[in-house]
Amino acid sequence: MAKGRPKGGKNKYWTAEEKYIAIKPILNYELTSGEVTRRTGISNGMLSTWLRKYKEHGMEGLENKKKPGNPLAKLYSKRNFKNREEKLEYENMKLRIENERLKKGYLVKGDGSIVVFKK
């Protein structure tokens, strides 16, 4: 079985039910995590994470959390702003991101497409 995702491919999306089916033999002491890893191709670390989350929070712990995404995406896709407020909101968000990068030691050049890490 191939390790990881194919080049250019997407990460595998696991539902809570699929995660539970994978860890159920471990919970019932039918198989070890190593045996489940060999049979399914799921990494031992991922199985351990799922087991820990299930033991702490039950099925709710196996649910996928929605990630916030890029806050600029909704504004940047418009480009032609309807009013001055939207344009200011966009510029404000860009400055916040630049500020956070500077705090972490990143130097942004030009239009922001070139980012250099400075120690």
PDB file of N, CA and C in Angstrom:
ATOM      1  N   MET A   1       0.844  -1.185   0.000  1.00  0.00           N
ATOM      2  CA  MET A   1       0.000   0.000   0.000  1.00  0.00           C
ATOM      3  C   MET A   1       0.887   1.245   0.000  1.00  0.00           C
ATOM      4  N   ALA A   2       0.522   2.236  -0.795  1.00  0.00           N
ATOM      5  CA  ALA A   2       1.308   3.466  -0.905  1.00  0.00           C
ATOM      6  C   ALA A   2       1.168   4.306   0.356  1.00  0.00           C
ATOM      7  N   LYS A   3       2.256   4.946   0.723  1.00  0.00           N
ATOM      8  CA  LYS A   3       2.246   5.815   1.892  1.00  0.00           C
ATOM      9  C   LYS A   3       1.872   7.227   1.477  1.00  0.00           C
ATOM     10  N   GLY A   4       1.068   7.894   2.266  1.00  0.00           N
ATOM     11  CA  GLY A   4       0.731   9.289   2.010  1.00  0.00           C
ATOM     12  C   GLY A   4      -0.180   9.462   0.812  1.00  0.00           C
ATOM     13  N   ARG A   5      -0.384  10.698   0.446  1.00  0.00           N
ATOM     14  CA  ARG A   5      -1.263  10.986  -0.685  1.00  0.00           C
ATOM     15  C   ARG A   5      -0.435  11.084  -1.960  1.00  0.00           C
ATOM     16  N   PRO A   6      -1.080  10.874  -3.111  1.00  0.00           N
ATOM     17  CA  PRO A   6      -0.344  11.019  -4.367  1.00  0.00           C
ATOM     18  C   PRO A   6       0.046  12.468  -4.584  1.00  0.00           C
ATOM     19  N   LYS A   7       1.131  12.683  -5.313  1.00  0.00           N
ATOM     20  CA  LYS A   7       1.614  14.040  -5.545  1.00  0.00           C
ATOM     21  C   LYS A   7       0.515  14.873  -6.197  1.00  0.00           C
ATOM     22  N   GLY A   8       0.248  16.028  -5.587  1.00  0.00           N
ATOM     23  CA  GLY A   8      -0.795  16.908  -6.105  1.00  0.00           C
ATOM     24  C   GLY A   8      -2.189  16.504  -5.666  1.00  0.00           C
ATOM     25  N   GLY A   9      -2.302  15.409  -4.932  1.00  0.00           N
ATOM     26  CA  GLY A   9      -3.613  14.936  -4.494  1.00  0.00           C
ATOM     27  C   GLY A   9      -4.091  15.656  -3.243  1.00  0.00           C
ATOM     28  N   LYS A  10      -5.301  15.355  -2.870  1.00  0.00           N
ATOM     29  CA  LYS A  10      -5.884  15.975  -1.682  1.00  0.00           C
ATOM     30  C   LYS A  10      -5.784  15.028  -0.496  1.00  0.00           C
ATOM     31  N   ASN A  11      -5.844  15.593   0.702  1.00  0.00           N
ATOM     32  CA  ASN A  11      -5.863  14.773   1.906  1.00  0.00           C
ATOM     33  C   ASN A  11      -7.153  13.975   1.953  1.00  0.00           C
ATOM     34  N   LYS A  12      -7.098  12.794   2.555  1.00  0.00           N
ATOM     35  CA  LYS A  12      -8.279  11.957   2.716  1.00  0.00           C
ATOM     36  C   LYS A  12      -9.173  12.577   3.766  1.00  0.00           C
ATOM     37  N   TYR A  13     -10.442  12.657   3.482  1.00  0.00           N
ATOM     38  CA  TYR A  13     -11.429  13.174   4.425  1.00  0.00           C
ATOM     39  C   TYR A  13     -12.085  11.986   5.110  1.00  0.00           C
ATOM     40  N   TRP A  14     -11.989  11.926   6.423  1.00  0.00           N
ATOM     41  CA  TRP A  14     -12.550  10.835   7.206  1.00  0.00           C
ATOM     42  C   TRP A  14     -13.775  11.339   7.966  1.00  0.00           C
ATOM     43  N   THR A  15     -14.886  10.651   7.845  1.00  0.00           N
ATOM     44  CA  THR A  15     -16.065  10.993   8.638  1.00  0.00           C
ATOM     45  C   THR A  15     -15.879  10.413  10.036  1.00  0.00           C
ATOM     46  N   ALA A  16     -16.695  10.875  10.974  1.00  0.00           N
ATOM     47  CA  ALA A  16     -16.616  10.355  12.346  1.00  0.00           C
ATOM     48  C   ALA A  16     -16.903   8.850  12.363  1.00  0.00           C
ATOM     49  N   GLU A  17     -17.840   8.393  11.530  1.00  0.00           N
ATOM     50  CA  GLU A  17     -18.194   6.974  11.483  1.00  0.00           C
ATOM     51  C   GLU A  17     -17.020   6.137  10.958  1.00  0.00           C
ATOM     52  N   GLU A  18     -16.331   6.639   9.915  1.00  0.00           N
ATOM     53  CA  GLU A  18     -15.169   5.926   9.372  1.00  0.00           C
ATOM     54  C   GLU A  18     -14.049   5.850  10.405  1.00  0.00           C
ATOM     55  N   LYS A  19     -13.846   6.922  11.146  1.00  0.00           N
ATOM     56  CA  LYS A  19     -12.825   6.931  12.193  1.00  0.00           C
ATOM     57  C   LYS A  19     -13.169   5.901  13.268  1.00  0.00           C
ATOM     58  N   TYR A  20     -14.447   5.873  13.654  1.00  0.00           N
ATOM     59  CA  TYR A  20     -14.873   4.936  14.694  1.00  0.00           C
ATOM     60  C   TYR A  20     -14.691   3.487  14.235  1.00  0.00           C
ATOM     61  N   ILE A  21     -15.048   3.214  12.977  1.00  0.00           N
ATOM     62  CA  ILE A  21     -14.887   1.853  12.438  1.00  0.00           C
ATOM     63  C   ILE A  21     -13.410   1.445  12.472  1.00  0.00           C
ATOM     64  N   ALA A  22     -12.518   2.394  12.197  1.00  0.00           N
ATOM     65  CA  ALA A  22     -11.088   2.092  12.199  1.00  0.00           C
ATOM     66  C   ALA A  22     -10.565   1.797  13.602  1.00  0.00           C
ATOM     67  N   ILE A  23     -11.038   2.546  14.611  1.00  0.00           N
ATOM     68  CA  ILE A  23     -10.502   2.365  15.966  1.00  0.00           C
ATOM     69  C   ILE A  23     -11.270   1.343  16.796  1.00  0.00           C
ATOM     70  N   LYS A  24     -12.459   0.928  16.330  1.00  0.00           N
ATOM     71  CA  LYS A  24     -13.280  -0.017  17.095  1.00  0.00           C
ATOM     72  C   LYS A  24     -12.540  -1.312  17.458  1.00  0.00           C
ATOM     73  N   PRO A  25     -11.794  -1.952  16.516  1.00  0.00           N
ATOM     74  CA  PRO A  25     -11.068  -3.180  16.897  1.00  0.00           C
ATOM     75  C   PRO A  25     -10.025  -2.941  17.990  1.00  0.00           C
ATOM     76  N   ILE A  26      -9.462  -1.742  18.031  1.00  0.00           N
ATOM     77  CA  ILE A  26      -8.479  -1.425  19.071  1.00  0.00           C
ATOM     78  C   ILE A  26      -9.193  -1.258  20.409  1.00  0.00           C
ATOM     79  N   LEU A  27     -10.335  -0.574  20.390  1.00  0.00           N
ATOM     80  CA  LEU A  27     -11.099  -0.359  21.618  1.00  0.00           C
ATOM     81  C   LEU A  27     -11.601  -1.679  22.210  1.00  0.00           C
ATOM     82  N   ASN A  28     -11.964  -2.618  21.331  1.00  0.00           N
ATOM     83  CA  ASN A  28     -12.481  -3.918  21.785  1.00  0.00           C
ATOM     84  C   ASN A  28     -11.379  -4.951  22.016  1.00  0.00           C
ATOM     85  N   TYR A  29     -10.115  -4.515  21.946  1.00  0.00           N
ATOM     86  CA  TYR A  29      -8.951  -5.386  22.145  1.00  0.00           C
ATOM     87  C   TYR A  29      -8.935  -6.558  21.172  1.00  0.00           C
ATOM     88  N   GLU A  30      -9.472  -6.347  19.956  1.00  0.00           N
ATOM     89  CA  GLU A  30      -9.446  -7.391  18.935  1.00  0.00           C
ATOM     90  C   GLU A  30      -8.145  -7.325  18.134  1.00  0.00           C
ATOM     91  N   LEU A  31      -7.658  -6.098  17.885  1.00  0.00           N
ATOM     92  CA  LEU A  31      -6.421  -5.898  17.128  1.00  0.00           C
ATOM     93  C   LEU A  31      -5.579  -4.841  17.829  1.00  0.00           C
ATOM     94  N   THR A  32      -4.276  -4.885  17.559  1.00  0.00           N
ATOM     95  CA  THR A  32      -3.410  -3.826  18.069  1.00  0.00           C
ATOM     96  C   THR A  32      -3.429  -2.666  17.077  1.00  0.00           C
ATOM     97  N   SER A  33      -2.943  -1.526  17.513  1.00  0.00           N
ATOM     98  CA  SER A  33      -2.907  -0.378  16.603  1.00  0.00           C
ATOM     99  C   SER A  33      -1.970  -0.650  15.427  1.00  0.00           C
ATOM    100  N   GLY A  34      -0.916  -1.416  15.654  1.00  0.00           N
ATOM    101  CA  GLY A  34      -0.002  -1.784  14.569  1.00  0.00           C
ATOM    102  C   GLY A  34      -0.687  -2.631  13.507  1.00  0.00           C
ATOM    103  N   GLU A  35      -1.525  -3.563  13.954  1.00  0.00           N
ATOM    104  CA  GLU A  35      -2.252  -4.405  12.995  1.00  0.00           C
ATOM    105  C   GLU A  35      -3.261  -3.576  12.202  1.00  0.00           C
ATOM    106  N   VAL A  36      -3.937  -2.663  12.860  1.00  0.00           N
ATOM    107  CA  VAL A  36      -4.889  -1.790  12.163  1.00  0.00           C
ATOM    108  C   VAL A  36      -4.142  -0.909  11.167  1.00  0.00           C
ATOM    109  N   THR A  37      -2.971  -0.414  11.549  1.00  0.00           N
ATOM    110  CA  THR A  37      -2.154   0.400  10.649  1.00  0.00           C
ATOM    111  C   THR A  37      -1.800  -0.391   9.387  1.00  0.00           C
ATOM    112  N   ARG A  38      -1.361  -1.623   9.555  1.00  0.00           N
ATOM    113  CA  ARG A  38      -0.992  -2.449   8.398  1.00  0.00           C
ATOM    114  C   ARG A  38      -2.196  -2.762   7.503  1.00  0.00           C
ATOM    115  N   ARG A  39      -3.348  -3.008   8.103  1.00  0.00           N
ATOM    116  CA  ARG A  39      -4.540  -3.372   7.317  1.00  0.00           C
ATOM    117  C   ARG A  39      -5.164  -2.178   6.602  1.00  0.00           C
ATOM    118  N   THR A  40      -5.145  -1.022   7.242  1.00  0.00           N
ATOM    119  CA  THR A  40      -5.860   0.137   6.688  1.00  0.00           C
ATOM    120  C   THR A  40      -4.957   1.154   6.010  1.00  0.00           C
ATOM    121  N   GLY A  41      -3.676   1.189   6.379  1.00  0.00           N
ATOM    122  CA  GLY A  41      -2.774   2.203   5.841  1.00  0.00           C
ATOM    123  C   GLY A  41      -2.861   3.524   6.593  1.00  0.00           C
ATOM    124  N   ILE A  42      -3.655   3.562   7.652  1.00  0.00           N
ATOM    125  CA  ILE A  42      -3.771   4.768   8.479  1.00  0.00           C
ATOM    126  C   ILE A  42      -2.579   4.776   9.432  1.00  0.00           C
ATOM    127  N   SER A  43      -1.936   5.921   9.562  1.00  0.00           N
ATOM    128  CA  SER A  43      -0.737   5.979  10.396  1.00  0.00           C
ATOM    129  C   SER A  43      -1.073   5.723  11.861  1.00  0.00           C
ATOM    130  N   ASN A  44      -0.093   5.196  12.576  1.00  0.00           N
ATOM    131  CA  ASN A  44      -0.258   4.903  13.995  1.00  0.00           C
ATOM    132  C   ASN A  44      -0.543   6.178  14.783  1.00  0.00           C
ATOM    133  N   GLY A  45       0.107   7.276  14.400  1.00  0.00           N
ATOM    134  CA  GLY A  45      -0.111   8.557  15.073  1.00  0.00           C
ATOM    135  C   GLY A  45      -1.533   9.052  14.914  1.00  0.00           C
ATOM    136  N   MET A  46      -2.095   8.884  13.709  1.00  0.00           N
ATOM    137  CA  MET A  46      -3.471   9.321  13.473  1.00  0.00           C
ATOM    138  C   MET A  46      -4.443   8.466  14.284  1.00  0.00           C
ATOM    139  N   LEU A  47      -4.195   7.153  14.315  1.00  0.00           N
ATOM    140  CA  LEU A  47      -5.053   6.271  15.111  1.00  0.00           C
ATOM    141  C   LEU A  47      -4.996   6.654  16.586  1.00  0.00           C
ATOM    142  N   SER A  48      -3.799   6.958  17.079  1.00  0.00           N
ATOM    143  CA  SER A  48      -3.650   7.359  18.487  1.00  0.00           C
ATOM    144  C   SER A  48      -4.424   8.628  18.781  1.00  0.00           C
ATOM    145  N   THR A  49      -4.373   9.585  17.842  1.00  0.00           N
ATOM    146  CA  THR A  49      -5.109  10.839  18.022  1.00  0.00           C
ATOM    147  C   THR A  49      -6.606  10.567  18.070  1.00  0.00           C
ATOM    148  N   TRP A  50      -7.086   9.743  17.136  1.00  0.00           N
ATOM    149  CA  TRP A  50      -8.512   9.421  17.125  1.00  0.00           C
ATOM    150  C   TRP A  50      -8.937   8.706  18.406  1.00  0.00           C
ATOM    151  N   LEU A  51      -8.099   7.779  18.892  1.00  0.00           N
ATOM    152  CA  LEU A  51      -8.405   7.060  20.134  1.00  0.00           C
ATOM    153  C   LEU A  51      -8.497   8.024  21.316  1.00  0.00           C
ATOM    154  N   ARG A  52      -7.517   8.918  21.407  1.00  0.00           N
ATOM    155  CA  ARG A  52      -7.508   9.883  22.514  1.00  0.00           C
ATOM    156  C   ARG A  52      -8.757  10.770  22.466  1.00  0.00           C
ATOM    157  N   LYS A  53      -9.066  11.283  21.275  1.00  0.00           N
ATOM    158  CA  LYS A  53     -10.239  12.157  21.147  1.00  0.00           C
ATOM    159  C   LYS A  53     -11.524  11.402  21.461  1.00  0.00           C
ATOM    160  N   TYR A  54     -11.607  10.132  21.034  1.00  0.00           N
ATOM    161  CA  TYR A  54     -12.805   9.339  21.320  1.00  0.00           C
ATOM    162  C   TYR A  54     -12.941   9.087  22.820  1.00  0.00           C
ATOM    163  N   LYS A  55     -11.837   8.765  23.477  1.00  0.00           N
ATOM    164  CA  LYS A  55     -11.883   8.498  24.915  1.00  0.00           C
ATOM    165  C   LYS A  55     -12.236   9.752  25.713  1.00  0.00           C
ATOM    166  N   GLU A  56     -11.800  10.914  25.241  1.00  0.00           N
ATOM    167  CA  GLU A  56     -12.083  12.168  25.951  1.00  0.00           C
ATOM    168  C   GLU A  56     -13.481  12.707  25.688  1.00  0.00           C
ATOM    169  N   HIS A  57     -13.949  12.605  24.411  1.00  0.00           N
ATOM    170  CA  HIS A  57     -15.200  13.282  24.037  1.00  0.00           C
ATOM    171  C   HIS A  57     -16.220  12.388  23.353  1.00  0.00           C
ATOM    172  N   GLY A  58     -15.943  11.104  23.197  1.00  0.00           N
ATOM    173  CA  GLY A  58     -16.880  10.220  22.515  1.00  0.00           C
ATOM    174  C   GLY A  58     -16.923  10.507  21.021  1.00  0.00           C
ATOM    175  N   MET A  59     -18.058  10.189  20.393  1.00  0.00           N
ATOM    176  CA  MET A  59     -18.198  10.387  18.942  1.00  0.00           C
ATOM    177  C   MET A  59     -18.032  11.850  18.553  1.00  0.00           C
ATOM    178  N   GLU A  60     -18.411  12.746  19.440  1.00  0.00           N
ATOM    179  CA  GLU A  60     -18.267  14.180  19.155  1.00  0.00           C
ATOM    180  C   GLU A  60     -16.798  14.553  18.947  1.00  0.00           C
ATOM    181  N   GLY A  61     -15.904  13.873  19.632  1.00  0.00           N
ATOM    182  CA  GLY A  61     -14.476  14.139  19.480  1.00  0.00           C
ATOM    183  C   GLY A  61     -13.928  13.723  18.121  1.00  0.00           C
ATOM    184  N   LEU A  62     -14.642  12.827  17.444  1.00  0.00           N
ATOM    185  CA  LEU A  62     -14.199  12.365  16.125  1.00  0.00           C
ATOM    186  C   LEU A  62     -14.729  13.236  14.994  1.00  0.00           C
ATOM    187  N   GLU A  63     -15.665  14.132  15.302  1.00  0.00           N
ATOM    188  CA  GLU A  63     -16.206  15.027  14.279  1.00  0.00           C
ATOM    189  C   GLU A  63     -15.123  15.973  13.787  1.00  0.00           C
ATOM    190  N   ASN A  64     -15.140  16.263  12.498  1.00  0.00           N
ATOM    191  CA  ASN A  64     -14.181  17.195  11.912  1.00  0.00           C
ATOM    192  C   ASN A  64     -14.572  18.622  12.275  1.00  0.00           C
ATOM    193  N   LYS A  65     -13.593  19.390  12.645  1.00  0.00           N
ATOM    194  CA  LYS A  65     -13.823  20.791  12.993  1.00  0.00           C
ATOM    195  C   LYS A  65     -13.691  21.635  11.739  1.00  0.00           C
ATOM    196  N   LYS A  66     -14.582  22.593  11.580  1.00  0.00           N
ATOM    197  CA  LYS A  66     -14.516  23.489  10.424  1.00  0.00           C
ATOM    198  C   LYS A  66     -13.408  24.498  10.666  1.00  0.00           C
ATOM    199  N   LYS A  67     -12.519  24.611   9.688  1.00  0.00           N
ATOM    200  CA  LYS A  67     -11.402  25.537   9.814  1.00  0.00           C
ATOM    201  C   LYS A  67     -11.825  26.920   9.323  1.00  0.00           C
ATOM    202  N   PRO A  68     -11.273  27.968   9.917  1.00  0.00           N
ATOM    203  CA  PRO A  68     -11.716  29.315   9.575  1.00  0.00           C
ATOM    204  C   PRO A  68     -11.365  29.751   8.152  1.00  0.00           C
ATOM    205  N   GLY A  69     -10.313  29.237   7.583  1.00  0.00           N
ATOM    206  CA  GLY A  69      -9.942  29.619   6.229  1.00  0.00           C
ATOM    207  C   GLY A  69      -9.270  30.982   6.171  1.00  0.00           C
ATOM    208  N   ASN A  70      -9.120  31.491   4.988  1.00  0.00           N
ATOM    209  CA  ASN A  70      -8.447  32.764   4.767  1.00  0.00           C
ATOM    210  C   ASN A  70      -9.443  33.909   4.919  1.00  0.00           C
ATOM    211  N   PRO A  71      -9.223  34.804   5.888  1.00  0.00           N
ATOM    212  CA  PRO A  71     -10.180  35.897   6.095  1.00  0.00           C
ATOM    213  C   PRO A  71     -10.207  36.893   4.939  1.00  0.00           C
ATOM    214  N   LEU A  72      -9.143  36.937   4.150  1.00  0.00           N
ATOM    215  CA  LEU A  72      -9.101  37.868   3.020  1.00  0.00           C
ATOM    216  C   LEU A  72      -9.820  37.330   1.787  1.00  0.00           C
ATOM    217  N   ALA A  73     -10.084  36.041   1.738  1.00  0.00           N
ATOM    218  CA  ALA A  73     -10.632  35.431   0.533  1.00  0.00           C
ATOM    219  C   ALA A  73     -11.933  36.083   0.097  1.00  0.00           C
ATOM    220  N   LYS A  74     -12.852  36.299   1.028  1.00  0.00           N
ATOM    221  CA  LYS A  74     -14.148  36.880   0.648  1.00  0.00           C
ATOM    222  C   LYS A  74     -13.982  38.299   0.135  1.00  0.00           C
ATOM    223  N   LEU A  75     -13.035  39.043   0.690  1.00  0.00           N
ATOM    224  CA  LEU A  75     -12.835  40.421   0.254  1.00  0.00           C
ATOM    225  C   LEU A  75     -12.023  40.490  -1.033  1.00  0.00           C
ATOM    226  N   TYR A  76     -11.015  39.645  -1.141  1.00  0.00           N
ATOM    227  CA  TYR A  76     -10.121  39.702  -2.284  1.00  0.00           C
ATOM    228  C   TYR A  76     -10.832  39.269  -3.561  1.00  0.00           C
ATOM    229  N   SER A  77     -11.790  38.347  -3.425  1.00  0.00           N
ATOM    230  CA  SER A  77     -12.479  37.862  -4.612  1.00  0.00           C
ATOM    231  C   SER A  77     -13.340  38.952  -5.244  1.00  0.00           C
ATOM    232  N   LYS A  78     -13.735  39.946  -4.478  1.00  0.00           N
ATOM    233  CA  LYS A  78     -14.582  41.023  -5.011  1.00  0.00           C
ATOM    234  C   LYS A  78     -13.770  42.005  -5.853  1.00  0.00           C
ATOM    235  N   ARG A  79     -12.627  42.400  -5.362  1.00  0.00           N
ATOM    236  CA  ARG A  79     -11.726  43.366  -5.994  1.00  0.00           C
ATOM    237  C   ARG A  79     -12.391  44.711  -6.264  1.00  0.00           C
ATOM    238  N   ASN A  80     -13.566  44.712  -6.835  1.00  0.00           N
ATOM    239  CA  ASN A  80     -14.296  45.967  -7.031  1.00  0.00           C
ATOM    240  C   ASN A  80     -15.227  46.134  -5.832  1.00  0.00           C
ATOM    241  N   PHE A  81     -14.802  46.944  -4.900  1.00  0.00           N
ATOM    242  CA  PHE A  81     -15.554  47.095  -3.668  1.00  0.00           C
ATOM    243  C   PHE A  81     -16.787  47.964  -3.894  1.00  0.00           C
ATOM    244  N   LYS A  82     -17.868  47.596  -3.241  1.00  0.00           N
ATOM    245  CA  LYS A  82     -19.129  48.315  -3.403  1.00  0.00           C
ATOM    246  C   LYS A  82     -19.085  49.687  -2.754  1.00  0.00           C
ATOM    247  N   ASN A  83     -18.372  49.753  -1.633  1.00  0.00           N
ATOM    248  CA  ASN A  83     -18.322  51.039  -0.934  1.00  0.00           C
ATOM    249  C   ASN A  83     -16.963  51.222  -0.265  1.00  0.00           C
ATOM    250  N   ARG A  84     -16.769  52.366   0.281  1.00  0.00           N
ATOM    251  CA  ARG A  84     -15.500  52.720   0.925  1.00  0.00           C
ATOM    252  C   ARG A  84     -15.235  51.840   2.141  1.00  0.00           C
ATOM    253  N   GLU A  85     -16.295  51.465   2.827  1.00  0.00           N
ATOM    254  CA  GLU A  85     -16.162  50.640   4.036  1.00  0.00           C
ATOM    255  C   GLU A  85     -15.535  49.281   3.708  1.00  0.00           C
ATOM    256  N   GLU A  86     -15.969  48.638   2.617  1.00  0.00           N
ATOM    257  CA  GLU A  86     -15.402  47.350   2.230  1.00  0.00           C
ATOM    258  C   GLU A  86     -13.920  47.484   1.882  1.00  0.00           C
ATOM    259  N   LYS A  87     -13.580  48.558   1.190  1.00  0.00           N
ATOM    260  CA  LYS A  87     -12.187  48.778   0.826  1.00  0.00           C
ATOM    261  C   LYS A  87     -11.325  48.980   2.067  1.00  0.00           C
ATOM    262  N   LEU A  88     -11.833  49.751   3.038  1.00  0.00           N
ATOM    263  CA  LEU A  88     -11.098  49.974   4.285  1.00  0.00           C
ATOM    264  C   LEU A  88     -10.962  48.676   5.088  1.00  0.00           C
ATOM    265  N   GLU A  89     -12.011  47.858   5.075  1.00  0.00           N
ATOM    266  CA  GLU A  89     -11.967  46.580   5.792  1.00  0.00           C
ATOM    267  C   GLU A  89     -10.884  45.685   5.178  1.00  0.00           C
ATOM    268  N   TYR A  90     -10.807  45.678   3.860  1.00  0.00           N
ATOM    269  CA  TYR A  90      -9.796  44.888   3.156  1.00  0.00           C
ATOM    270  C   TYR A  90      -8.390  45.382   3.512  1.00  0.00           C
ATOM    271  N   GLU A  91      -8.173  46.670   3.443  1.00  0.00           N
ATOM    272  CA  GLU A  91      -6.858  47.229   3.757  1.00  0.00           C
ATOM    273  C   GLU A  91      -6.477  46.979   5.212  1.00  0.00           C
ATOM    274  N   ASN A  92      -7.458  47.090   6.115  1.00  0.00           N
ATOM    275  CA  ASN A  92      -7.233  46.830   7.535  1.00  0.00           C
ATOM    276  C   ASN A  92      -6.802  45.373   7.755  1.00  0.00           C
ATOM    277  N   MET A  93      -7.474  44.438   7.081  1.00  0.00           N
ATOM    278  CA  MET A  93      -7.135  43.024   7.232  1.00  0.00           C
ATOM    279  C   MET A  93      -5.720  42.765   6.703  1.00  0.00           C
ATOM    280  N   LYS A  94      -5.364  43.362   5.573  1.00  0.00           N
ATOM    281  CA  LYS A  94      -4.016  43.187   5.030  1.00  0.00           C
ATOM    282  C   LYS A  94      -2.966  43.692   6.019  1.00  0.00           C
ATOM    283  N   LEU A  95      -3.228  44.824   6.651  1.00  0.00           N
ATOM    284  CA  LEU A  95      -2.278  45.374   7.619  1.00  0.00           C
ATOM    285  C   LEU A  95      -2.165  44.493   8.859  1.00  0.00           C
ATOM    286  N   ARG A  96      -3.270  43.914   9.297  1.00  0.00           N
ATOM    287  CA  ARG A  96      -3.234  42.999  10.453  1.00  0.00           C
ATOM    288  C   ARG A  96      -2.368  41.779  10.137  1.00  0.00           C
ATOM    289  N   ILE A  97      -2.538  41.241   8.943  1.00  0.00           N
ATOM    290  CA  ILE A  97      -1.757  40.070   8.550  1.00  0.00           C
ATOM    291  C   ILE A  97      -0.279  40.436   8.459  1.00  0.00           C
ATOM    292  N   GLU A  98       0.012  41.573   7.863  1.00  0.00           N
ATOM    293  CA  GLU A  98       1.401  42.016   7.760  1.00  0.00           C
ATOM    294  C   GLU A  98       2.011  42.210   9.145  1.00  0.00           C
ATOM    295  N   ASN A  99       1.235  42.767  10.072  1.00  0.00           N
ATOM    296  CA  ASN A  99       1.690  42.983  11.444  1.00  0.00           C
ATOM    297  C   ASN A  99       2.024  41.643  12.114  1.00  0.00           C
ATOM    298  N   GLU A 100       1.168  40.651  11.938  1.00  0.00           N
ATOM    299  CA  GLU A 100       1.415  39.332  12.529  1.00  0.00           C
ATOM    300  C   GLU A 100       2.672  38.697  11.931  1.00  0.00           C
ATOM    301  N   ARG A 101       2.853  38.855  10.633  1.00  0.00           N
ATOM    302  CA  ARG A 101       4.055  38.308   9.996  1.00  0.00           C
ATOM    303  C   ARG A 101       5.307  38.975  10.543  1.00  0.00           C
ATOM    304  N   LEU A 102       5.260  40.283  10.722  1.00  0.00           N
ATOM    305  CA  LEU A 102       6.418  40.998  11.256  1.00  0.00           C
ATOM    306  C   LEU A 102       6.735  40.545  12.677  1.00  0.00           C
ATOM    307  N   LYS A 103       5.700  40.290  13.489  1.00  0.00           N
ATOM    308  CA  LYS A 103       5.911  39.796  14.848  1.00  0.00           C
ATOM    309  C   LYS A 103       6.647  38.455  14.833  1.00  0.00           C
ATOM    310  N   LYS A 104       6.352  37.644  13.825  1.00  0.00           N
ATOM    311  CA  LYS A 104       6.956  36.315  13.733  1.00  0.00           C
ATOM    312  C   LYS A 104       8.295  36.338  13.004  1.00  0.00           C
ATOM    313  N   GLY A 105       8.706  37.502  12.505  1.00  0.00           N
ATOM    314  CA  GLY A 105      10.010  37.610  11.865  1.00  0.00           C
ATOM    315  C   GLY A 105       9.989  37.480  10.360  1.00  0.00           C
ATOM    316  N   TYR A 106       8.826  37.601   9.749  1.00  0.00           N
ATOM    317  CA  TYR A 106       8.747  37.523   8.293  1.00  0.00           C
ATOM    318  C   TYR A 106       8.823  38.926   7.710  1.00  0.00           C
ATOM    319  N   LEU A 107       9.528  39.049   6.611  1.00  0.00           N
ATOM    320  CA  LEU A 107       9.629  40.317   5.905  1.00  0.00           C
ATOM    321  C   LEU A 107       8.906  40.150   4.573  1.00  0.00           C
ATOM    322  N   VAL A 108       7.917  41.005   4.317  1.00  0.00           N
ATOM    323  CA  VAL A 108       7.131  40.928   3.097  1.00  0.00           C
ATOM    324  C   VAL A 108       7.637  41.990   2.137  1.00  0.00           C
ATOM    325  N   LYS A 109       7.907  41.562   0.892  1.00  0.00           N
ATOM    326  CA  LYS A 109       8.417  42.494  -0.111  1.00  0.00           C
ATOM    327  C   LYS A 109       7.386  42.685  -1.219  1.00  0.00           C
ATOM    328  N   GLY A 110       7.340  43.889  -1.763  1.00  0.00           N
ATOM    329  CA  GLY A 110       6.479  44.172  -2.906  1.00  0.00           C
ATOM    330  C   GLY A 110       5.004  44.035  -2.578  1.00  0.00           C
ATOM    331  N   ASP A 111       4.290  43.310  -3.416  1.00  0.00           N
ATOM    332  CA  ASP A 111       2.843  43.168  -3.255  1.00  0.00           C
ATOM    333  C   ASP A 111       2.467  42.078  -2.252  1.00  0.00           C
ATOM    334  N   GLY A 112       3.434  41.485  -1.600  1.00  0.00           N
ATOM    335  CA  GLY A 112       3.168  40.458  -0.604  1.00  0.00           C
ATOM    336  C   GLY A 112       3.399  39.047  -1.124  1.00  0.00           C
ATOM    337  N   SER A 113       3.750  38.927  -2.397  1.00  0.00           N
ATOM    338  CA  SER A 113       3.971  37.595  -2.955  1.00  0.00           C
ATOM    339  C   SER A 113       5.348  37.043  -2.562  1.00  0.00           C
ATOM    340  N   ILE A 114       6.259  37.922  -2.112  1.00  0.00           N
ATOM    341  CA  ILE A 114       7.579  37.477  -1.693  1.00  0.00           C
ATOM    342  C   ILE A 114       7.673  37.640  -0.178  1.00  0.00           C
ATOM    343  N   VAL A 115       7.863  36.511   0.520  1.00  0.00           N
ATOM    344  CA  VAL A 115       7.972  36.531   1.980  1.00  0.00           C
ATOM    345  C   VAL A 115       9.307  35.922   2.360  1.00  0.00           C
ATOM    346  N   VAL A 116      10.094  36.668   3.128  1.00  0.00           N
ATOM    347  CA  VAL A 116      11.420  36.230   3.552  1.00  0.00           C
ATOM    348  C   VAL A 116      11.432  36.167   5.072  1.00  0.00           C
ATOM    349  N   PHE A 117      12.000  35.078   5.615  1.00  0.00           N
ATOM    350  CA  PHE A 117      12.096  34.944   7.069  1.00  0.00           C
ATOM    351  C   PHE A 117      13.401  35.571   7.535  1.00  0.00           C
ATOM    352  N   LYS A 118      13.306  36.508   8.459  1.00  0.00           N
ATOM    353  CA  LYS A 118      14.489  37.168   9.026  1.00  0.00           C
ATOM    354  C   LYS A 118      14.621  36.759  10.482  1.00  0.00           C
ATOM    355  N   LYS A 119      15.835  36.407  10.876  1.00  0.00           N
ATOM    356  CA  LYS A 119      16.078  36.044  12.287  1.00  0.00           C
ATOM    357  C   LYS A 119      16.484  37.245  13.075  1.00  0.00           C
TER     358      LYS A 119
END
